[in-house]
């Protein structure tokens, strides 16, 4: 193994009779169904940018040992496949390369790195792999601009694009993206946020920080830090006495978000039925129509073992096994990043089953999706994805996070309605099993952590692509929403 070098691998579907470029055909079909745009042909080149200390000879071996299928794909190292006349006899009219922004989690790149370290165990720990996709177009209508095409092929919040227009393609100037070097993490001292300001400035603090806290909530936080007991306790701890730190304010915003505490379910609601004349006040839909009936049932049966306090609810299935179920929504994250938001939703409830009681095993997934009509042709505010794009991304994300991880999706439902254009509903659920008792006699659902217990955090490396999905769940998606 030598010094760290940069290698550029490219992979394309071979030009064989009867073999189609499935990725290209998918893009072609999407343009036709969503936007009524007909193009003659679309081809896709997969790119793998590798920084590693493998040798040139080892890199050549990796083309077909790792990145390309030698039967149906053609792979190349440090060459532009667009110039390969056997694959592409005619140069494309438009070429667009899409890749992740620096710091964004690249799952395919991580899989490539895992493969690289498996084949070449001596590669350095600092080796990296990033992925790209290059879309080649032929027969594009003249009124379709390359910039517009690119906007339909990537999510500007987490991805970047390089475009070669018709003139650049004629001159063989192909799109390129530099390796997405992850920015160094710079530790910054925690800042104090002064809340002794006007109501207008309180709202400005919330809006600028994407905290999604209304004036009443901001004033409640303001009042808390005015309490003498709070100030005294903070002084003893060495914290700013009369104001929160930015980290504290962020934690409060996350905890009070629609995603975490379901403010709509917990709100006081005045409901008037204009057909029957019924006029009622409801103190929390959650407490009245979810929690109370469940607690009433628990008082009458012996099979509701754990409710409302662990990562999922637990019921007695039989004398030997308990069943646990968890479902949650991932609406706003899925609106912002359909694939990643939905994947996070399904693996999140998988995680909750694993963390229930003293540990349960996920055995099945379920889901319910509510989208705008996939054939919608009306007005969409700038920044909102077409519902069919949300549909495809959410479905792919849940499939990748669920079925492909070995936990089968056993049932589900999809609803289409124009009322879901602004924000989809994405419900993800997981079912798990656990033995009623452990060999030492403990009930498996009874988790009683105590001071002094050791805590382990387990999981993959975190990316720099947090999208404020929790607090964003409390906001309406409009053309003014940040992206």
Protein backbone atom coordinates (compact mmCIF):
# COMPACT_ATOMS: atom_id res chain seq x y z
CA UNK A 1 0.00 0.00 0.00
CA UNK A 2 1.36 3.40 -1.00
CA UNK A 3 0.33 7.01 -0.56
CA UNK A 4 -3.27 8.15 -0.68
CA UNK A 5 -4.37 8.73 -4.28
CA UNK A 6 -7.56 9.81 -6.01
CA UNK A 7 -9.29 7.31 -8.31
CA UNK A 8 -12.35 7.97 -10.45
CA UNK A 9 -14.39 4.88 -11.34
CA UNK A 10 -17.23 5.09 -13.86
CA UNK A 11 -19.81 2.40 -14.60
CA UNK A 12 -22.46 2.25 -17.34
CA UNK A 13 -24.89 -0.36 -18.66
CA UNK A 14 -23.47 -2.16 -21.69
CA UNK A 15 -25.03 -1.49 -25.10
CA UNK A 16 -26.39 -5.00 -25.63
CA UNK A 17 -29.50 -5.90 -27.61
CA UNK A 18 -32.38 -6.51 -25.23
CA UNK A 19 -30.61 -4.87 -22.27
CA UNK A 20 -32.06 -1.54 -21.16
CA UNK A 21 -30.58 1.14 -18.96
CA UNK A 22 -33.19 0.85 -16.18
CA UNK A 23 -32.10 4.05 -14.42
CA UNK A 24 -32.25 6.04 -17.63
CA UNK A 25 -35.64 4.60 -18.58
CA UNK A 26 -36.94 5.54 -15.12
CA UNK A 27 -35.92 9.18 -15.63
CA UNK A 28 -37.46 9.20 -19.10
CA UNK A 29 -40.74 7.81 -17.72
CA UNK A 30 -40.71 10.34 -14.85
CA UNK A 31 -40.37 13.30 -17.23
CA UNK A 32 -43.25 11.99 -19.33
CA UNK A 33 -45.64 11.17 -16.47
CA UNK A 34 -44.94 14.17 -14.22
CA UNK A 35 -44.26 16.94 -16.73
CA UNK A 36 -45.53 15.64 -20.11
CA UNK A 37 -42.03 16.03 -21.55
CA UNK A 38 -40.87 13.50 -24.13
CA UNK A 39 -37.16 12.83 -24.66
CA UNK A 40 -35.70 10.28 -27.04
CA UNK A 41 -33.20 8.65 -24.70
CA UNK A 42 -31.65 8.89 -21.24
CA UNK A 43 -28.56 7.01 -20.11
CA UNK A 44 -26.93 7.00 -16.68
CA UNK A 45 -23.29 6.67 -15.63
CA UNK A 46 -22.52 5.74 -12.02
CA UNK A 47 -19.46 7.43 -10.56
CA UNK A 48 -17.34 6.34 -7.60
CA UNK A 49 -14.74 8.83 -6.40
CA UNK A 50 -12.21 7.02 -4.23
CA UNK A 51 -9.48 8.44 -2.01
CA UNK A 52 -7.31 5.60 -0.77
CA UNK A 53 -3.79 4.23 -0.57
CA UNK A 54 -4.52 1.27 -2.87
CA UNK A 55 -2.16 0.83 -5.82
CA UNK A 56 -3.00 1.37 -9.50
CA UNK A 57 -3.04 -2.41 -9.98
CA UNK A 58 -5.44 -2.87 -7.07
CA UNK A 59 -7.64 -0.08 -8.42
CA UNK A 60 -7.83 -1.86 -11.79
CA UNK A 61 -8.89 -5.03 -9.98
CA UNK A 62 -11.59 -3.12 -8.08
CA UNK A 63 -13.38 -2.13 -11.31
CA UNK A 64 -15.06 -5.50 -11.74
CA UNK A 65 -14.43 -7.02 -8.31
CA UNK A 66 -16.35 -4.22 -6.60
CA UNK A 67 -17.95 -1.50 -8.69
CA UNK A 68 -19.19 -3.06 -11.96
CA UNK A 69 -20.94 -6.26 -13.05
CA UNK A 70 -18.76 -7.62 -15.88
CA UNK A 71 -21.74 -9.23 -17.64
CA UNK A 72 -24.10 -6.28 -18.02
CA UNK A 73 -21.94 -3.27 -17.15
CA UNK A 74 -18.80 -1.62 -18.48
CA UNK A 75 -16.40 -0.07 -16.00
CA UNK A 76 -13.48 2.28 -16.42
CA UNK A 77 -10.81 3.83 -14.21
CA UNK A 78 -9.84 7.49 -14.57
CA UNK A 79 -11.54 7.73 -17.96
CA UNK A 80 -14.66 9.53 -19.13
CA UNK A 81 -17.13 6.95 -20.38
CA UNK A 82 -19.02 9.64 -22.28
CA UNK A 83 -16.12 9.62 -24.76
CA UNK A 84 -16.46 5.85 -25.28
CA UNK A 85 -18.00 5.62 -28.77
CA UNK A 86 -18.87 1.93 -28.33
CA UNK A 87 -21.12 2.82 -25.41
CA UNK A 88 -22.31 6.19 -26.72
CA UNK A 89 -21.84 6.45 -30.52
CA UNK A 90 -23.47 9.88 -30.48
CA UNK A 91 -22.56 12.57 -27.96
CA UNK A 92 -25.38 13.62 -25.61
CA UNK A 93 -27.18 16.93 -26.02
CA UNK A 94 -27.26 17.62 -22.28
CA UNK A 95 -25.21 16.03 -19.47
CA UNK A 96 -25.84 16.53 -15.75
CA UNK A 97 -23.76 15.10 -12.89
CA UNK A 98 -25.34 14.92 -9.43
CA UNK A 99 -23.58 14.19 -6.14
CA UNK A 100 -23.98 14.83 -2.44
CA UNK A 101 -22.86 18.02 -0.77
CA UNK A 102 -19.85 17.75 1.58
CA UNK A 103 -20.79 16.14 4.88
CA UNK A 104 -24.07 14.62 3.67
CA UNK A 105 -24.43 10.91 4.41
CA UNK A 106 -23.66 8.88 1.27
CA UNK A 107 -24.98 5.36 1.92
CA UNK A 108 -23.86 3.97 -1.44
CA UNK A 109 -20.43 5.49 -0.87
CA UNK A 110 -20.23 3.86 2.56
CA UNK A 111 -21.17 0.51 1.01
CA UNK A 112 -18.40 1.02 -1.55
CA UNK A 113 -15.93 1.77 1.23
CA UNK A 114 -17.01 -1.37 3.10
CA UNK A 115 -16.38 -3.38 -0.05
CA UNK A 116 -12.99 -1.75 -0.57
CA UNK A 117 -11.83 -2.56 2.95
CA UNK A 118 -13.11 -6.13 2.57
CA UNK A 119 -11.14 -6.73 -0.64
CA UNK A 120 -8.09 -4.76 0.50
CA UNK A 121 -7.91 -5.07 4.32
CA UNK A 122 -4.75 -2.96 4.50
CA UNK A 123 -6.30 0.27 3.21
CA UNK A 124 -5.85 3.22 5.53
CA UNK A 125 -8.56 4.18 7.97
CA UNK A 126 -8.90 7.56 6.28
CA UNK A 127 -9.99 6.11 2.92
CA UNK A 128 -13.18 7.63 1.50
CA UNK A 129 -15.67 6.85 -1.26
CA UNK A 130 -18.27 9.24 -2.67
CA UNK A 131 -20.80 8.54 -5.40
CA UNK A 132 -22.24 10.49 -8.32
CA UNK A 133 -24.76 9.94 -11.10
CA UNK A 134 -24.33 11.43 -14.56
CA UNK A 135 -27.48 11.72 -16.67
CA UNK A 136 -27.08 11.89 -20.46
CA UNK A 137 -29.96 13.16 -22.60
CA UNK A 138 -30.76 12.89 -26.30
CA UNK A 139 -33.76 14.41 -28.08
CA UNK A 140 -34.66 17.01 -25.45
CA UNK A 141 -37.30 19.58 -26.53
CA UNK A 142 -35.73 22.98 -27.22
CA UNK A 143 -37.87 24.73 -24.61
CA UNK A 144 -36.52 22.50 -21.82
CA UNK A 145 -33.46 24.09 -20.24
CA UNK A 146 -30.60 22.11 -18.67
CA UNK A 147 -31.09 24.04 -15.41
CA UNK A 148 -34.75 23.00 -15.24
CA UNK A 149 -33.81 19.39 -15.96
CA UNK A 150 -31.20 19.45 -13.20
CA UNK A 151 -33.77 20.76 -10.70
CA UNK A 152 -35.86 17.63 -11.31
CA UNK A 153 -32.90 15.28 -10.87
CA UNK A 154 -31.50 16.41 -7.55
CA UNK A 155 -32.49 17.80 -4.17
CA UNK A 156 -30.73 21.13 -3.80
CA UNK A 157 -30.84 20.91 -0.02
CA UNK A 158 -28.50 17.90 0.16
CA UNK A 159 -27.09 17.51 -3.37
CA UNK A 160 -25.13 19.54 -5.92
CA UNK A 161 -25.19 19.38 -9.70
CA UNK A 162 -22.80 20.16 -12.54
CA UNK A 163 -24.34 20.85 -15.95
CA UNK A 164 -23.05 20.69 -19.52
CA UNK A 165 -25.47 22.40 -21.87
CA UNK A 166 -25.86 21.78 -25.60
CA UNK A 167 -22.89 23.97 -26.56
CA UNK A 168 -20.59 22.42 -23.95
CA UNK A 169 -21.60 18.92 -25.02
CA UNK A 170 -20.74 19.76 -28.64
CA UNK A 171 -17.25 20.70 -27.42
CA UNK A 172 -16.98 17.59 -25.21
CA UNK A 173 -16.82 19.68 -22.03
CA UNK A 174 -18.40 17.22 -19.63
CA UNK A 175 -19.77 17.99 -16.15
CA UNK A 176 -17.47 17.43 -13.19
CA UNK A 177 -17.84 17.48 -9.42
CA UNK A 178 -14.93 17.74 -7.03
CA UNK A 179 -14.59 15.22 -4.21
CA UNK A 180 -16.94 16.40 -1.43
CA UNK A 181 -14.36 17.04 1.25
CA UNK A 182 -16.13 17.00 4.59
CA UNK A 183 -15.57 20.33 6.34
CA UNK A 184 -13.63 20.20 9.57
CA UNK A 185 -15.83 20.26 12.64
CA UNK A 186 -15.09 23.52 14.40
CA UNK A 187 -16.03 23.55 18.05
CA UNK A 188 -17.60 26.82 19.05
CA UNK A 189 -18.28 28.01 22.57
CA UNK A 190 -21.93 27.99 23.51
CA UNK A 191 -23.58 31.38 23.06
CA UNK A 192 -26.07 33.01 25.41
CA UNK A 193 -29.38 34.08 23.86
CA UNK A 194 -30.78 37.27 25.38
CA UNK A 195 -34.55 36.90 25.76
CA UNK A 196 -35.08 40.25 27.51
CA UNK A 197 -36.28 41.78 24.26
CA UNK A 198 -39.55 42.87 22.68
CA UNK A 199 -42.20 40.43 21.50
CA UNK A 200 -41.25 41.16 17.90
CA UNK A 201 -37.62 40.27 18.61
CA UNK A 202 -38.66 37.05 20.37
CA UNK A 203 -40.48 35.97 17.22
CA UNK A 204 -37.45 36.98 15.14
CA UNK A 205 -35.19 34.76 17.30
CA UNK A 206 -37.55 31.83 16.72
CA UNK A 207 -37.84 32.37 12.98
CA UNK A 208 -34.13 32.91 12.36
CA UNK A 209 -33.25 29.81 14.37
CA UNK A 210 -36.01 27.75 12.72
CA UNK A 211 -37.21 26.97 16.24
CA UNK A 212 -40.91 26.97 15.27
CA UNK A 213 -41.83 28.43 18.67
CA UNK A 214 -44.75 30.86 18.78
CA UNK A 215 -44.87 33.99 20.93
CA UNK A 216 -46.65 32.27 23.82
CA UNK A 217 -43.96 29.57 23.92
CA UNK A 218 -41.11 32.06 23.64
CA UNK A 219 -42.58 34.13 26.50
CA UNK A 220 -42.95 30.97 28.62
CA UNK A 221 -39.24 30.30 28.15
CA UNK A 222 -38.49 33.95 28.89
CA UNK A 223 -40.51 33.76 32.13
CA UNK A 224 -38.71 30.60 33.25
CA UNK A 225 -35.32 32.30 33.14
CA UNK A 226 -36.67 35.20 35.20
CA UNK A 227 -37.48 32.96 38.19
CA UNK A 228 -35.15 33.58 41.17
CA UNK A 229 -34.97 29.85 41.94
CA UNK A 230 -33.92 29.07 38.36
CA UNK A 231 -31.31 31.81 38.34
CA UNK A 232 -29.89 30.65 41.67
CA UNK A 233 -29.63 27.04 40.51
CA UNK A 234 -27.98 28.07 37.24
CA UNK A 235 -25.45 30.23 39.07
CA UNK A 236 -24.38 27.25 41.21
CA UNK A 237 -23.92 25.19 38.04
CA UNK A 238 -21.84 27.88 36.36
CA UNK A 239 -24.48 28.55 33.69
CA UNK A 240 -25.64 31.99 32.50
CA UNK A 241 -28.05 33.09 35.21
CA UNK A 242 -30.78 34.93 33.35
CA UNK A 243 -30.76 33.55 29.81
CA UNK A 244 -30.57 30.20 28.01
CA UNK A 245 -27.63 29.07 25.94
CA UNK A 246 -28.21 28.44 22.25
CA UNK A 247 -28.00 24.69 22.93
CA UNK A 248 -30.67 24.89 25.64
CA UNK A 249 -32.99 26.89 23.41
CA UNK A 250 -32.51 24.38 20.59
CA UNK A 251 -33.29 21.49 22.95
CA UNK A 252 -36.49 23.19 24.10
CA UNK A 253 -37.54 23.81 20.49
CA UNK A 254 -36.92 20.19 19.53
CA UNK A 255 -38.75 18.88 22.61
CA UNK A 256 -41.72 21.19 22.09
CA UNK A 257 -41.96 20.48 18.35
CA UNK A 258 -44.97 18.89 16.70
CA UNK A 259 -42.83 15.85 15.91
CA UNK A 260 -41.81 15.23 19.53
CA UNK A 261 -44.75 16.35 21.67
CA UNK A 262 -47.65 16.44 19.18
CA UNK A 263 -48.92 19.89 20.08
CA UNK A 264 -52.05 19.53 17.95
CA UNK A 265 -53.06 16.32 19.74
CA UNK A 266 -52.30 17.93 23.11
CA UNK A 267 -54.04 21.27 22.45
CA UNK A 268 -57.31 22.56 23.87
CA UNK A 269 -59.79 22.32 21.01
CA UNK A 270 -63.13 24.07 20.59
CA UNK A 271 -65.16 21.99 18.13
CA UNK A 272 -68.44 23.11 16.61
CA UNK A 273 -70.42 20.67 14.45
CA UNK A 274 -72.41 22.88 12.08
CA UNK A 275 -74.67 20.00 11.05
CA UNK A 276 -75.73 18.81 14.52
CA UNK A 277 -75.12 22.03 16.43
CA UNK A 278 -72.91 20.20 18.93
CA UNK A 279 -70.50 22.59 20.66
CA UNK A 280 -67.72 20.91 22.64
CA UNK A 281 -64.39 21.73 24.26
CA UNK A 282 -61.73 19.01 24.25
CA UNK A 283 -58.78 19.19 26.63
CA UNK A 284 -56.19 17.32 24.53
CA UNK A 285 -57.24 14.76 21.96
CA UNK A 286 -54.35 12.63 23.17
CA UNK A 287 -55.37 12.58 26.83
CA UNK A 288 -59.10 12.32 26.11
CA UNK A 289 -59.32 9.91 23.18
CA UNK A 290 -56.04 7.98 23.26
CA UNK A 291 -54.53 7.85 26.73
CA UNK A 292 -57.68 7.66 28.88
CA UNK A 293 -59.38 4.81 26.94
CA UNK A 294 -56.12 2.85 26.93
CA UNK A 295 -55.63 3.31 30.68
CA UNK A 296 -59.28 2.32 31.24
CA UNK A 297 -58.70 -0.88 29.28
CA UNK A 298 -55.48 -1.56 31.20
CA UNK A 299 -57.40 -1.43 34.49
CA UNK A 300 -59.65 -4.24 33.26
CA UNK A 301 -57.18 -6.60 31.54
CA UNK A 302 -53.82 -8.16 32.34
CA UNK A 303 -52.28 -8.15 28.86
CA UNK A 304 -51.38 -4.44 28.54
CA UNK A 305 -47.89 -4.71 30.03
CA UNK A 306 -46.24 -1.39 29.17
CA UNK A 307 -47.85 1.76 27.76
CA UNK A 308 -46.95 5.44 27.35
CA UNK A 309 -43.50 5.41 28.94
CA UNK A 310 -41.09 3.23 26.93
CA UNK A 311 -39.93 3.29 23.31
CA UNK A 312 -42.97 1.23 22.26
CA UNK A 313 -46.09 -0.31 23.76
CA UNK A 314 -45.92 -3.92 24.98
CA UNK A 315 -48.74 -6.47 25.22
CA UNK A 316 -48.74 -10.09 26.36
CA UNK A 317 -49.04 -12.31 23.29
CA UNK A 318 -49.09 -15.59 25.19
CA UNK A 319 -47.48 -17.07 28.28
CA UNK A 320 -44.05 -17.18 26.63
CA UNK A 321 -43.87 -14.11 24.39
CA UNK A 322 -44.69 -10.41 24.46
CA UNK A 323 -45.46 -8.28 21.42
CA UNK A 324 -44.39 -4.65 21.05
CA UNK A 325 -45.55 -2.14 18.45
CA UNK A 326 -44.32 1.35 17.56
CA UNK A 327 -45.47 3.72 14.82
CA UNK A 328 -44.67 7.35 14.16
CA UNK A 329 -44.93 9.98 11.46
CA UNK A 330 -42.08 11.43 9.41
CA UNK A 331 -44.06 13.97 7.43
CA UNK A 332 -41.85 17.05 7.31
CA UNK A 333 -38.53 15.21 6.82
CA UNK A 334 -40.15 13.26 3.97
CA UNK A 335 -41.39 16.48 2.37
CA UNK A 336 -37.88 17.97 2.48
CA UNK A 337 -35.98 14.81 1.50
CA UNK A 338 -38.45 12.04 0.51
CA UNK A 339 -35.91 9.20 0.39
CA UNK A 340 -33.84 10.12 3.43
CA UNK A 341 -36.80 11.33 5.49
CA UNK A 342 -38.77 8.13 4.97
CA UNK A 343 -35.75 5.90 5.52
CA UNK A 344 -35.07 7.67 8.81
CA UNK A 345 -38.69 7.08 9.75
CA UNK A 346 -38.65 3.31 9.27
CA UNK A 347 -35.22 2.68 10.81
CA UNK A 348 -36.22 4.94 13.70
CA UNK A 349 -39.11 2.69 14.69
CA UNK A 350 -36.89 -0.37 14.11
CA UNK A 351 -34.54 1.20 16.66
CA UNK A 352 -37.40 1.86 19.09
CA UNK A 353 -38.32 -1.83 19.10
CA UNK A 354 -34.70 -2.77 19.80
CA UNK A 355 -34.72 -0.31 22.70
CA UNK A 356 -37.98 -1.44 24.28
CA UNK A 357 -37.74 -2.96 27.73
CA UNK A 358 -34.61 -5.06 28.00
CA UNK A 359 -34.48 -5.49 24.22
CA UNK A 360 -36.91 -6.80 21.58
CA UNK A 361 -36.43 -8.24 18.09
CA UNK A 362 -38.09 -6.48 15.11
CA UNK A 363 -40.01 -8.97 12.97
CA UNK A 364 -42.28 -6.90 10.68
CA UNK A 365 -42.84 -3.40 9.31
CA UNK A 366 -46.00 -1.58 8.30
CA UNK A 367 -46.69 1.80 6.73
CA UNK A 368 -49.40 4.22 5.59
CA UNK A 369 -48.65 6.95 3.04
CA UNK A 370 -50.79 9.96 2.09
CA UNK A 371 -49.67 11.92 -1.00
CA UNK A 372 -50.98 14.40 -3.49
CA UNK A 373 -52.27 12.81 -6.73
CA UNK A 374 -49.33 11.36 -8.71
CA UNK A 375 -50.83 12.75 -11.94
CA UNK A 376 -51.30 16.25 -10.49
CA UNK A 377 -50.85 18.96 -13.13
CA UNK A 378 -51.93 22.09 -11.23
CA UNK A 379 -49.95 24.83 -9.51
CA UNK A 380 -47.20 23.89 -7.04
CA UNK A 381 -45.49 26.54 -4.88
CA UNK A 382 -41.80 26.95 -5.62
CA UNK A 383 -39.76 24.59 -3.46
CA UNK A 384 -42.36 21.83 -3.17
CA UNK A 385 -41.67 18.54 -4.94
CA UNK A 386 -44.19 17.07 -7.35
CA UNK A 387 -46.28 14.48 -5.45
CA UNK A 388 -45.09 11.65 -7.70
CA UNK A 389 -41.49 12.51 -6.81
CA UNK A 390 -42.40 12.43 -3.11
CA UNK A 391 -44.22 9.12 -3.67
CA UNK A 392 -41.24 7.49 -5.39
CA UNK A 393 -38.72 8.80 -2.87
CA UNK A 394 -40.74 7.80 0.21
CA UNK A 395 -41.47 4.34 -1.18
CA UNK A 396 -37.80 3.80 -2.02
CA UNK A 397 -36.66 5.06 1.40
CA UNK A 398 -39.00 2.81 3.37
CA UNK A 399 -38.11 -0.14 1.13
CA UNK A 400 -34.38 0.44 1.59
CA UNK A 401 -34.65 0.93 5.34
CA UNK A 402 -37.15 -1.88 5.85
CA UNK A 403 -37.29 -4.83 3.45
CA UNK A 404 -33.67 -4.48 2.38
CA UNK A 405 -32.51 -4.57 5.99
CA UNK A 406 -34.18 -7.97 6.43
CA UNK A 407 -37.36 -6.85 8.22
CA UNK A 408 -40.33 -7.53 5.91
CA UNK A 409 -43.08 -5.02 5.25
CA UNK A 410 -46.21 -7.11 5.79
CA UNK A 411 -48.98 -4.59 5.11
CA UNK A 412 -49.69 -0.96 4.36
CA UNK A 413 -51.89 1.55 2.58
CA UNK A 414 -51.60 4.54 0.24
CA UNK A 415 -54.04 7.47 0.01
CA UNK A 416 -53.97 10.13 -2.72
CA UNK A 417 -55.65 13.50 -2.18
CA UNK A 418 -54.84 17.08 -3.18
CA UNK A 419 -54.91 18.10 0.49
CA UNK A 420 -51.55 16.33 0.89
CA UNK A 421 -49.79 18.43 -1.76
CA UNK A 422 -48.28 20.78 0.84
CA UNK A 423 -47.11 18.06 3.19
CA UNK A 424 -47.39 14.28 2.87
CA UNK A 425 -48.28 12.00 5.74
CA UNK A 426 -45.75 9.21 6.19
CA UNK A 427 -46.56 6.70 8.93
CA UNK A 428 -43.96 4.03 9.65
CA UNK A 429 -44.43 1.19 12.12
CA UNK A 430 -42.56 -1.85 13.38
CA UNK A 431 -43.68 -4.93 15.31
CA UNK A 432 -41.30 -6.81 17.58
CA UNK A 433 -41.28 -9.80 19.92
CA UNK A 434 -39.58 -10.42 23.24
CA UNK A 435 -39.68 -13.31 25.73
CA UNK A 436 -42.04 -12.66 28.64
CA UNK A 437 -39.27 -13.47 31.12
CA UNK A 438 -35.49 -13.63 30.98
CA UNK A 439 -33.61 -16.70 32.27
CA UNK A 440 -32.93 -14.87 35.55
CA UNK A 441 -36.67 -14.35 36.09
CA UNK A 442 -36.88 -10.65 35.19
CA UNK A 443 -39.83 -9.41 33.14
CA UNK A 444 -38.39 -8.38 29.77
CA UNK A 445 -40.65 -5.33 29.42
CA UNK A 446 -39.65 -3.91 32.81
CA UNK A 447 -36.82 -1.44 32.26
CA UNK A 448 -35.74 0.40 35.39
CA UNK A 449 -32.57 2.41 34.74
CA UNK A 450 -30.79 3.63 37.84
CA UNK A 451 -28.14 6.27 38.58
CA UNK A 452 -24.71 4.81 37.91
CA UNK A 453 -25.85 2.52 35.07
CA UNK A 454 -23.51 2.49 32.07
CA UNK A 455 -24.99 3.90 28.84
CA UNK A 456 -23.85 2.70 25.41
CA UNK A 457 -24.57 4.62 22.22
CA UNK A 458 -24.55 2.35 19.17
CA UNK A 459 -24.98 3.31 15.51
CA UNK A 460 -23.38 4.53 12.33
CA UNK A 461 -21.30 7.65 11.95
CA UNK A 462 -23.50 10.74 11.91
CA UNK A 463 -23.41 12.97 8.84
CA UNK A 464 -23.58 16.76 8.71
CA UNK A 465 -26.96 16.68 6.99
CA UNK A 466 -29.43 17.37 9.77
CA UNK A 467 -32.39 19.21 8.22
CA UNK A 468 -34.22 20.48 11.32
CA UNK A 469 -36.97 17.98 10.60
CA UNK A 470 -38.31 17.93 14.18
CA UNK A 471 -38.92 21.66 14.57
CA UNK A 472 -39.81 21.96 10.88
CA UNK A 473 -42.73 19.60 11.54
CA UNK A 474 -44.42 22.50 13.34
CA UNK A 475 -44.25 24.73 10.25
CA UNK A 476 -46.28 24.89 7.06
CA UNK A 477 -44.40 24.12 3.86
CA UNK A 478 -44.69 27.07 1.45
CA UNK A 479 -42.68 28.67 -1.32
CA UNK A 480 -40.96 30.72 1.41
CA UNK A 481 -39.84 27.65 3.37
CA UNK A 482 -36.05 27.36 3.70
CA UNK A 483 -34.34 24.69 1.63
